[in-house]
Every structure is written in structure tokens, then in C-alpha cells.
PDB file of N, CA and C in Angstrom:
ATOM      1  N   UNK A   1    -108.494  26.673 -21.505  1.00  0.00           N
ATOM      2  CA  UNK A   1    -109.369  25.576 -21.182  1.00  0.00           C
ATOM      3  C   UNK A   1    -110.756  25.882 -21.731  1.00  0.00           C
ATOM      4  N   UNK A   2    -111.385  24.879 -22.271  1.00  0.00           N
ATOM      5  CA  UNK A   2    -112.692  25.078 -22.879  1.00  0.00           C
ATOM      6  C   UNK A   2    -113.765  25.247 -21.814  1.00  0.00           C
ATOM      7  N   UNK A   3    -114.915  25.722 -22.262  1.00  0.00           N
ATOM      8  CA  UNK A   3    -116.021  25.954 -21.345  1.00  0.00           C
ATOM      9  C   UNK A   3    -116.572  24.636 -20.802  1.00  0.00           C
ATOM     10  N   UNK A   4    -116.536  23.590 -21.623  1.00  0.00           N
ATOM     11  CA  UNK A   4    -117.055  22.281 -21.228  1.00  0.00           C
ATOM     12  C   UNK A   4    -115.888  21.313 -21.170  1.00  0.00           C
ATOM     13  N   UNK A   5    -115.468  20.954 -19.970  1.00  0.00           N
ATOM     14  CA  UNK A   5    -114.289  20.114 -19.800  1.00  0.00           C
ATOM     15  C   UNK A   5    -114.719  18.739 -19.285  1.00  0.00           C
ATOM     16  N   UNK A   6    -114.467  17.692 -20.072  1.00  0.00           N
ATOM     17  CA  UNK A   6    -114.876  16.346 -19.700  1.00  0.00           C
ATOM     18  C   UNK A   6    -113.938  15.701 -18.684  1.00  0.00           C
ATOM     19  N   UNK A   7    -112.747  16.246 -18.508  1.00  0.00           N
ATOM     20  CA  UNK A   7    -111.781  15.607 -17.623  1.00  0.00           C
ATOM     21  C   UNK A   7    -112.257  15.595 -16.174  1.00  0.00           C
ATOM     22  N   UNK A   8    -113.128  16.522 -15.798  1.00  0.00           N
ATOM     23  CA  UNK A   8    -113.631  16.533 -14.424  1.00  0.00           C
ATOM     24  C   UNK A   8    -114.699  15.470 -14.214  1.00  0.00           C
ATOM     25  N   UNK A   9    -115.270  14.938 -15.292  1.00  0.00           N
ATOM     26  CA  UNK A   9    -116.345  13.957 -15.180  1.00  0.00           C
ATOM     27  C   UNK A   9    -115.858  12.523 -15.352  1.00  0.00           C
ATOM     28  N   UNK A  10    -114.610  12.342 -15.717  1.00  0.00           N
ATOM     29  CA  UNK A  10    -114.067  11.000 -15.918  1.00  0.00           C
ATOM     30  C   UNK A  10    -113.689  10.426 -14.557  1.00  0.00           C
ATOM     31  N   UNK A  11    -114.212   9.244 -14.254  1.00  0.00           N
ATOM     32  CA  UNK A  11    -113.923   8.613 -12.979  1.00  0.00           C
ATOM     33  C   UNK A  11    -112.768   7.640 -13.126  1.00  0.00           C
ATOM     34  N   UNK A  12    -112.055   7.455 -12.035  1.00  0.00           N
ATOM     35  CA  UNK A  12    -110.953   6.500 -12.039  1.00  0.00           C
ATOM     36  C   UNK A  12    -111.523   5.084 -12.060  1.00  0.00           C
ATOM     37  N   UNK A  13    -110.754   4.169 -12.607  1.00  0.00           N
ATOM     38  CA  UNK A  13    -111.180   2.776 -12.651  1.00  0.00           C
ATOM     39  C   UNK A  13    -111.275   2.235 -11.235  1.00  0.00           C
ATOM     40  N   UNK A  14    -112.268   1.395 -10.951  1.00  0.00           N
ATOM     41  CA  UNK A  14    -112.377   0.841  -9.592  1.00  0.00           C
ATOM     42  C   UNK A  14    -111.175  -0.025  -9.255  1.00  0.00           C
ATOM     43  N   UNK A  15    -110.803   0.002  -7.994  1.00  0.00           N
ATOM     44  CA  UNK A  15    -109.644  -0.780  -7.571  1.00  0.00           C
ATOM     45  C   UNK A  15    -109.994  -2.266  -7.567  1.00  0.00           C
ATOM     46  N   UNK A  16    -109.038  -3.048  -7.999  1.00  0.00           N
ATOM     47  CA  UNK A  16    -109.250  -4.498  -7.991  1.00  0.00           C
ATOM     48  C   UNK A  16    -108.996  -5.040  -6.592  1.00  0.00           C
ATOM     49  N   UNK A  17    -109.421  -6.265  -6.367  1.00  0.00           N
ATOM     50  CA  UNK A  17    -109.206  -6.889  -5.066  1.00  0.00           C
ATOM     51  C   UNK A  17    -107.719  -7.027  -4.779  1.00  0.00           C
ATOM     52  N   UNK A  18    -106.947  -7.301  -5.820  1.00  0.00           N
ATOM     53  CA  UNK A  18    -105.493  -7.426  -5.660  1.00  0.00           C
ATOM     54  C   UNK A  18    -104.878  -6.111  -5.186  1.00  0.00           C
ATOM     55  N   UNK A  19    -105.302  -4.990  -5.766  1.00  0.00           N
ATOM     56  CA  UNK A  19    -104.785  -3.685  -5.364  1.00  0.00           C
ATOM     57  C   UNK A  19    -105.170  -3.345  -3.929  1.00  0.00           C
ATOM     58  N   UNK A  20    -106.393  -3.693  -3.545  1.00  0.00           N
ATOM     59  CA  UNK A  20    -106.843  -3.428  -2.177  1.00  0.00           C
ATOM     60  C   UNK A  20    -106.015  -4.223  -1.181  1.00  0.00           C
ATOM     61  N   UNK A  21    -105.765  -5.496  -1.489  1.00  0.00           N
ATOM     62  CA  UNK A  21    -104.962  -6.338  -0.593  1.00  0.00           C
ATOM     63  C   UNK A  21    -103.545  -5.809  -0.485  1.00  0.00           C
ATOM     64  N   UNK A  22    -102.949  -5.417  -1.616  1.00  0.00           N
ATOM     65  CA  UNK A  22    -101.577  -4.879  -1.588  1.00  0.00           C
ATOM     66  C   UNK A  22    -101.519  -3.588  -0.771  1.00  0.00           C
ATOM     67  N   UNK A  23    -102.544  -2.751  -0.888  1.00  0.00           N
ATOM     68  CA  UNK A  23    -102.565  -1.508  -0.123  1.00  0.00           C
ATOM     69  C   UNK A  23    -102.650  -1.793   1.373  1.00  0.00           C
ATOM     70  N   UNK A  24    -103.453  -2.783   1.755  1.00  0.00           N
ATOM     71  CA  UNK A  24    -103.570  -3.129   3.169  1.00  0.00           C
ATOM     72  C   UNK A  24    -102.277  -3.718   3.711  1.00  0.00           C
ATOM     73  N   UNK A  25    -101.600  -4.531   2.910  1.00  0.00           N
ATOM     74  CA  UNK A  25    -100.322  -5.114   3.345  1.00  0.00           C
ATOM     75  C   UNK A  25     -99.276  -4.013   3.507  1.00  0.00           C
ATOM     76  N   UNK A  26     -99.227  -3.072   2.546  1.00  0.00           N
ATOM     77  CA  UNK A  26     -98.279  -1.954   2.642  1.00  0.00           C
ATOM     78  C   UNK A  26     -98.561  -1.115   3.887  1.00  0.00           C
ATOM     79  N   UNK A  27     -99.833  -0.871   4.161  1.00  0.00           N
ATOM     80  CA  UNK A  27    -100.202  -0.085   5.335  1.00  0.00           C
ATOM     81  C   UNK A  27     -99.790  -0.810   6.615  1.00  0.00           C
ATOM     82  N   UNK A  28    -100.030  -2.116   6.662  1.00  0.00           N
ATOM     83  CA  UNK A  28     -99.647  -2.895   7.845  1.00  0.00           C
ATOM     84  C   UNK A  28     -98.146  -2.827   8.061  1.00  0.00           C
ATOM     85  N   UNK A  29     -97.357  -3.008   6.992  1.00  0.00           N
ATOM     86  CA  UNK A  29     -95.900  -2.973   7.122  1.00  0.00           C
ATOM     87  C   UNK A  29     -95.414  -1.596   7.550  1.00  0.00           C
ATOM     88  N   UNK A  30     -96.035  -0.555   7.018  1.00  0.00           N
ATOM     89  CA  UNK A  30     -95.656   0.809   7.377  1.00  0.00           C
ATOM     90  C   UNK A  30     -95.876   1.049   8.864  1.00  0.00           C
ATOM     91  N   UNK A  31     -97.055   0.681   9.382  1.00  0.00           N
ATOM     92  CA  UNK A  31     -97.347   0.932  10.783  1.00  0.00           C
ATOM     93  C   UNK A  31     -96.593  -0.018  11.697  1.00  0.00           C
ATOM     94  N   UNK A  32     -96.289  -1.232  11.244  1.00  0.00           N
ATOM     95  CA  UNK A  32     -95.470  -2.146  12.041  1.00  0.00           C
ATOM     96  C   UNK A  32     -94.068  -1.566  12.215  1.00  0.00           C
ATOM     97  N   UNK A  33     -93.520  -1.000  11.146  1.00  0.00           N
ATOM     98  CA  UNK A  33     -92.205  -0.364  11.229  1.00  0.00           C
ATOM     99  C   UNK A  33     -92.256   0.843  12.162  1.00  0.00           C
ATOM    100  N   UNK A  34     -93.324   1.622  12.061  1.00  0.00           N
ATOM    101  CA  UNK A  34     -93.473   2.793  12.922  1.00  0.00           C
ATOM    102  C   UNK A  34     -93.534   2.384  14.401  1.00  0.00           C
ATOM    103  N   UNK A  35     -94.314   1.344  14.702  1.00  0.00           N
ATOM    104  CA  UNK A  35     -94.396   0.866  16.087  1.00  0.00           C
ATOM    105  C   UNK A  35     -93.042   0.378  16.581  1.00  0.00           C
ATOM    106  N   UNK A  36     -92.310  -0.309  15.710  1.00  0.00           N
ATOM    107  CA  UNK A  36     -90.999  -0.822  16.110  1.00  0.00           C
ATOM    108  C   UNK A  36     -90.027   0.316  16.395  1.00  0.00           C
ATOM    109  N   UNK A  37     -90.040   1.341  15.555  1.00  0.00           N
ATOM    110  CA  UNK A  37     -89.169   2.499  15.766  1.00  0.00           C
ATOM    111  C   UNK A  37     -89.511   3.192  17.082  1.00  0.00           C
ATOM    112  N   UNK A  38     -90.812   3.365  17.348  1.00  0.00           N
ATOM    113  CA  UNK A  38     -91.217   4.008  18.602  1.00  0.00           C
ATOM    114  C   UNK A  38     -90.815   3.177  19.812  1.00  0.00           C
ATOM    115  N   UNK A  39     -90.932   1.861  19.697  1.00  0.00           N
ATOM    116  CA  UNK A  39     -90.546   0.977  20.795  1.00  0.00           C
ATOM    117  C   UNK A  39     -89.046   1.085  21.060  1.00  0.00           C
ATOM    118  N   UNK A  40     -88.244   1.089  19.996  1.00  0.00           N
ATOM    119  CA  UNK A  40     -86.791   1.206  20.165  1.00  0.00           C
ATOM    120  C   UNK A  40     -86.403   2.562  20.753  1.00  0.00           C
ATOM    121  N   UNK A  41     -87.041   3.625  20.272  1.00  0.00           N
ATOM    122  CA  UNK A  41     -86.733   4.951  20.812  1.00  0.00           C
ATOM    123  C   UNK A  41     -87.082   5.036  22.282  1.00  0.00           C
ATOM    124  N   UNK A  42     -88.228   4.460  22.662  1.00  0.00           N
ATOM    125  CA  UNK A  42     -88.605   4.504  24.068  1.00  0.00           C
ATOM    126  C   UNK A  42     -87.637   3.683  24.915  1.00  0.00           C
ATOM    127  N   UNK A  43     -87.107   2.604  24.360  1.00  0.00           N
ATOM    128  CA  UNK A  43     -86.141   1.779  25.097  1.00  0.00           C
ATOM    129  C   UNK A  43     -84.822   2.516  25.283  1.00  0.00           C
ATOM    130  N   UNK A  44     -84.306   3.113  24.199  1.00  0.00           N
ATOM    131  CA  UNK A  44     -82.994   3.756  24.273  1.00  0.00           C
ATOM    132  C   UNK A  44     -83.012   5.075  25.029  1.00  0.00           C
ATOM    133  N   UNK A  45     -84.091   5.835  24.906  1.00  0.00           N
ATOM    134  CA  UNK A  45     -84.143   7.149  25.545  1.00  0.00           C
ATOM    135  C   UNK A  45     -84.940   7.146  26.840  1.00  0.00           C
ATOM    136  N   UNK A  46     -85.372   5.957  27.279  1.00  0.00           N
ATOM    137  CA  UNK A  46     -86.080   5.799  28.552  1.00  0.00           C
ATOM    138  C   UNK A  46     -87.315   6.690  28.633  1.00  0.00           C
ATOM    139  N   UNK A  47     -88.079   6.699  27.577  1.00  0.00           N
ATOM    140  CA  UNK A  47     -89.319   7.472  27.568  1.00  0.00           C
ATOM    141  C   UNK A  47     -90.491   6.534  27.390  1.00  0.00           C
ATOM    142  N   UNK A  48     -91.622   6.976  27.908  1.00  0.00           N
ATOM    143  CA  UNK A  48     -92.833   6.210  27.685  1.00  0.00           C
ATOM    144  C   UNK A  48     -93.268   6.350  26.235  1.00  0.00           C
ATOM    145  N   UNK A  49     -93.933   5.348  25.722  1.00  0.00           N
ATOM    146  CA  UNK A  49     -94.378   5.411  24.333  1.00  0.00           C
ATOM    147  C   UNK A  49     -95.578   6.320  24.172  1.00  0.00           C
ATOM    148  N   UNK A  50     -96.440   6.346  25.181  1.00  0.00           N
ATOM    149  CA  UNK A  50     -97.674   7.116  25.079  1.00  0.00           C
ATOM    150  C   UNK A  50     -97.578   8.307  26.013  1.00  0.00           C
ATOM    151  N   UNK A  51     -97.904   9.461  25.492  1.00  0.00           N
ATOM    152  CA  UNK A  51     -97.895  10.665  26.309  1.00  0.00           C
ATOM    153  C   UNK A  51     -99.303  10.975  26.783  1.00  0.00           C
ATOM    154  N   UNK A  52     -99.426  11.354  28.044  1.00  0.00           N
ATOM    155  CA  UNK A  52    -100.725  11.762  28.568  1.00  0.00           C
ATOM    156  C   UNK A  52    -100.895  13.252  28.315  1.00  0.00           C
ATOM    157  N   UNK A  53    -102.112  13.737  28.218  1.00  0.00           N
ATOM    158  CA  UNK A  53    -102.301  15.172  28.017  1.00  0.00           C
ATOM    159  C   UNK A  53    -101.751  15.966  29.196  1.00  0.00           C
ATOM    160  N   UNK A  54    -101.145  17.098  28.917  1.00  0.00           N
ATOM    161  CA  UNK A  54    -100.530  17.901  29.966  1.00  0.00           C
ATOM    162  C   UNK A  54    -101.576  18.471  30.908  1.00  0.00           C
ATOM    163  N   UNK A  55    -102.717  18.877  30.352  1.00  0.00           N
ATOM    164  CA  UNK A  55    -103.758  19.486  31.169  1.00  0.00           C
ATOM    165  C   UNK A  55    -104.968  18.563  31.165  1.00  0.00           C
ATOM    166  N   UNK A  56    -105.139  17.816  32.238  1.00  0.00           N
ATOM    167  CA  UNK A  56    -106.248  16.857  32.313  1.00  0.00           C
ATOM    168  C   UNK A  56    -107.571  17.534  32.615  1.00  0.00           C
ATOM    169  N   UNK A  57    -107.543  18.802  33.017  1.00  0.00           N
ATOM    170  CA  UNK A  57    -108.788  19.492  33.327  1.00  0.00           C
ATOM    171  C   UNK A  57    -109.604  19.778  32.076  1.00  0.00           C
ATOM    172  N   UNK A  58    -108.984  19.635  30.909  1.00  0.00           N
ATOM    173  CA  UNK A  58    -109.724  19.879  29.670  1.00  0.00           C
ATOM    174  C   UNK A  58    -110.639  18.704  29.329  1.00  0.00           C
ATOM    175  N   UNK A  59    -110.490  17.585  30.040  1.00  0.00           N
ATOM    176  CA  UNK A  59    -111.349  16.438  29.805  1.00  0.00           C
ATOM    177  C   UNK A  59    -112.740  16.735  30.352  1.00  0.00           C
ATOM    178  N   UNK A  60    -113.796  16.278  29.669  1.00  0.00           N
ATOM    179  CA  UNK A  60    -115.139  16.564  30.163  1.00  0.00           C
ATOM    180  C   UNK A  60    -115.402  15.839  31.484  1.00  0.00           C
ATOM    181  N   UNK A  61    -116.120  16.502  32.356  1.00  0.00           N
ATOM    182  CA  UNK A  61    -116.418  15.918  33.660  1.00  0.00           C
ATOM    183  C   UNK A  61    -117.433  14.790  33.525  1.00  0.00           C
ATOM    184  N   UNK A  62    -118.313  14.887  32.538  1.00  0.00           N
ATOM    185  CA  UNK A  62    -119.320  13.854  32.332  1.00  0.00           C
ATOM    186  C   UNK A  62    -119.029  13.132  31.025  1.00  0.00           C
ATOM    187  N   UNK A  63    -119.277  11.856  31.034  1.00  0.00           N
ATOM    188  CA  UNK A  63    -119.014  11.084  29.825  1.00  0.00           C
ATOM    189  C   UNK A  63    -120.082  11.363  28.780  1.00  0.00           C
ATOM    190  N   UNK A  64    -119.730  11.155  27.525  1.00  0.00           N
ATOM    191  CA  UNK A  64    -120.677  11.420  26.440  1.00  0.00           C
ATOM    192  C   UNK A  64    -121.852  10.460  26.485  1.00  0.00           C
ATOM    193  N   UNK A  65    -121.633   9.226  26.985  1.00  0.00           N
ATOM    194  CA  UNK A  65    -122.747   8.278  27.055  1.00  0.00           C
ATOM    195  C   UNK A  65    -123.793   8.731  28.070  1.00  0.00           C
ATOM    196  N   UNK A  66    -123.346   9.327  29.178  1.00  0.00           N
ATOM    197  CA  UNK A  66    -124.281   9.835  30.170  1.00  0.00           C
ATOM    198  C   UNK A  66    -125.065  11.010  29.606  1.00  0.00           C
ATOM    199  N   UNK A  67    -124.378  11.894  28.910  1.00  0.00           N
ATOM    200  CA  UNK A  67    -125.041  13.048  28.303  1.00  0.00           C
ATOM    201  C   UNK A  67    -126.046  12.567  27.260  1.00  0.00           C
ATOM    202  N   UNK A  68    -125.658  11.610  26.434  1.00  0.00           N
ATOM    203  CA  UNK A  68    -126.547  11.095  25.403  1.00  0.00           C
ATOM    204  C   UNK A  68    -127.755  10.422  26.028  1.00  0.00           C
ATOM    205  N   UNK A  69    -127.556   9.678  27.122  1.00  0.00           N
ATOM    206  CA  UNK A  69    -128.664   9.003  27.794  1.00  0.00           C
ATOM    207  C   UNK A  69    -129.659  10.030  28.321  1.00  0.00           C
ATOM    208  N   UNK A  70    -129.156  11.136  28.876  1.00  0.00           N
ATOM    209  CA  UNK A  70    -130.043  12.170  29.394  1.00  0.00           C
ATOM    210  C   UNK A  70    -130.779  12.887  28.274  1.00  0.00           C
ATOM    211  N   UNK A  71    -130.135  13.065  27.153  1.00  0.00           N
ATOM    212  CA  UNK A  71    -130.767  13.763  26.035  1.00  0.00           C
ATOM    213  C   UNK A  71    -131.852  12.892  25.428  1.00  0.00           C
ATOM    214  N   UNK A  72    -131.587  11.593  25.301  1.00  0.00           N
ATOM    215  CA  UNK A  72    -132.546  10.704  24.636  1.00  0.00           C
ATOM    216  C   UNK A  72    -133.566  10.106  25.588  1.00  0.00           C
ATOM    217  N   UNK A  73    -133.497  10.429  26.895  1.00  0.00           N
ATOM    218  CA  UNK A  73    -134.419   9.796  27.857  1.00  0.00           C
ATOM    219  C   UNK A  73    -135.856  10.253  27.638  1.00  0.00           C
ATOM    220  N   UNK A  74    -136.064  11.468  27.152  1.00  0.00           N
ATOM    221  CA  UNK A  74    -137.416  11.963  26.960  1.00  0.00           C
ATOM    222  C   UNK A  74    -138.037  11.541  25.638  1.00  0.00           C
ATOM    223  N   UNK A  75    -137.249  10.932  24.753  1.00  0.00           N
ATOM    224  CA  UNK A  75    -137.784  10.548  23.445  1.00  0.00           C
ATOM    225  C   UNK A  75    -138.551   9.257  23.554  1.00  0.00           C
ATOM    226  N   UNK A  76    -139.491   9.103  22.664  1.00  0.00           N
ATOM    227  CA  UNK A  76    -140.324   7.906  22.663  1.00  0.00           C
ATOM    228  C   UNK A  76    -139.623   6.799  21.923  1.00  0.00           C
ATOM    229  N   UNK A  77    -139.556   5.621  22.537  1.00  0.00           N
ATOM    230  CA  UNK A  77    -138.875   4.502  21.896  1.00  0.00           C
ATOM    231  C   UNK A  77    -139.879   3.687  21.103  1.00  0.00           C
ATOM    232  N   UNK A  78    -139.469   3.243  19.923  1.00  0.00           N
ATOM    233  CA  UNK A  78    -140.363   2.492  19.036  1.00  0.00           C
ATOM    234  C   UNK A  78    -140.237   1.022  19.283  1.00  0.00           C
TER     235      UNK A  78
END
């Protein structure tokens, strides 16, 4: 490989609106299928779809909004 390689500086062509729409449709179909599979599995195996964390004590005792409010209370508002 040469000392000066232009291949690292070449940018990909910007995506067209058509490509963006197709990507979003593919993503929607992929996740719709995933949700359907999970729903069927939960129906057949009698399991809940969403699992709760095993150890709830790891959750913070104070919410982040309360902590943020206390941190920003001393700052001057413009």
C-alpha cells in the first residue's frame, strides 16, 4: 500500500430519498415480524413478553430528574 492512499478520503454517495424510504420500510417489516414471533412464542409457551429485572435493588432510589433539578437549582437562569 502506498504512503498516500486516496481510498480513505473517498466518501460514499449520499442516500437518495427512495433508498431512505426503502430502508425504513424494511426496518418496519423486520421489527413487525419480530414482534409477531415474540407474541406467538409468549402465547404458546405461556410466558410474558417483557421480562422485569431480576434484582430491582439496582434501580436508583432517586429519579434522574430530581437529581438534575437539585444540581441545576443553584445556577442562574437567563
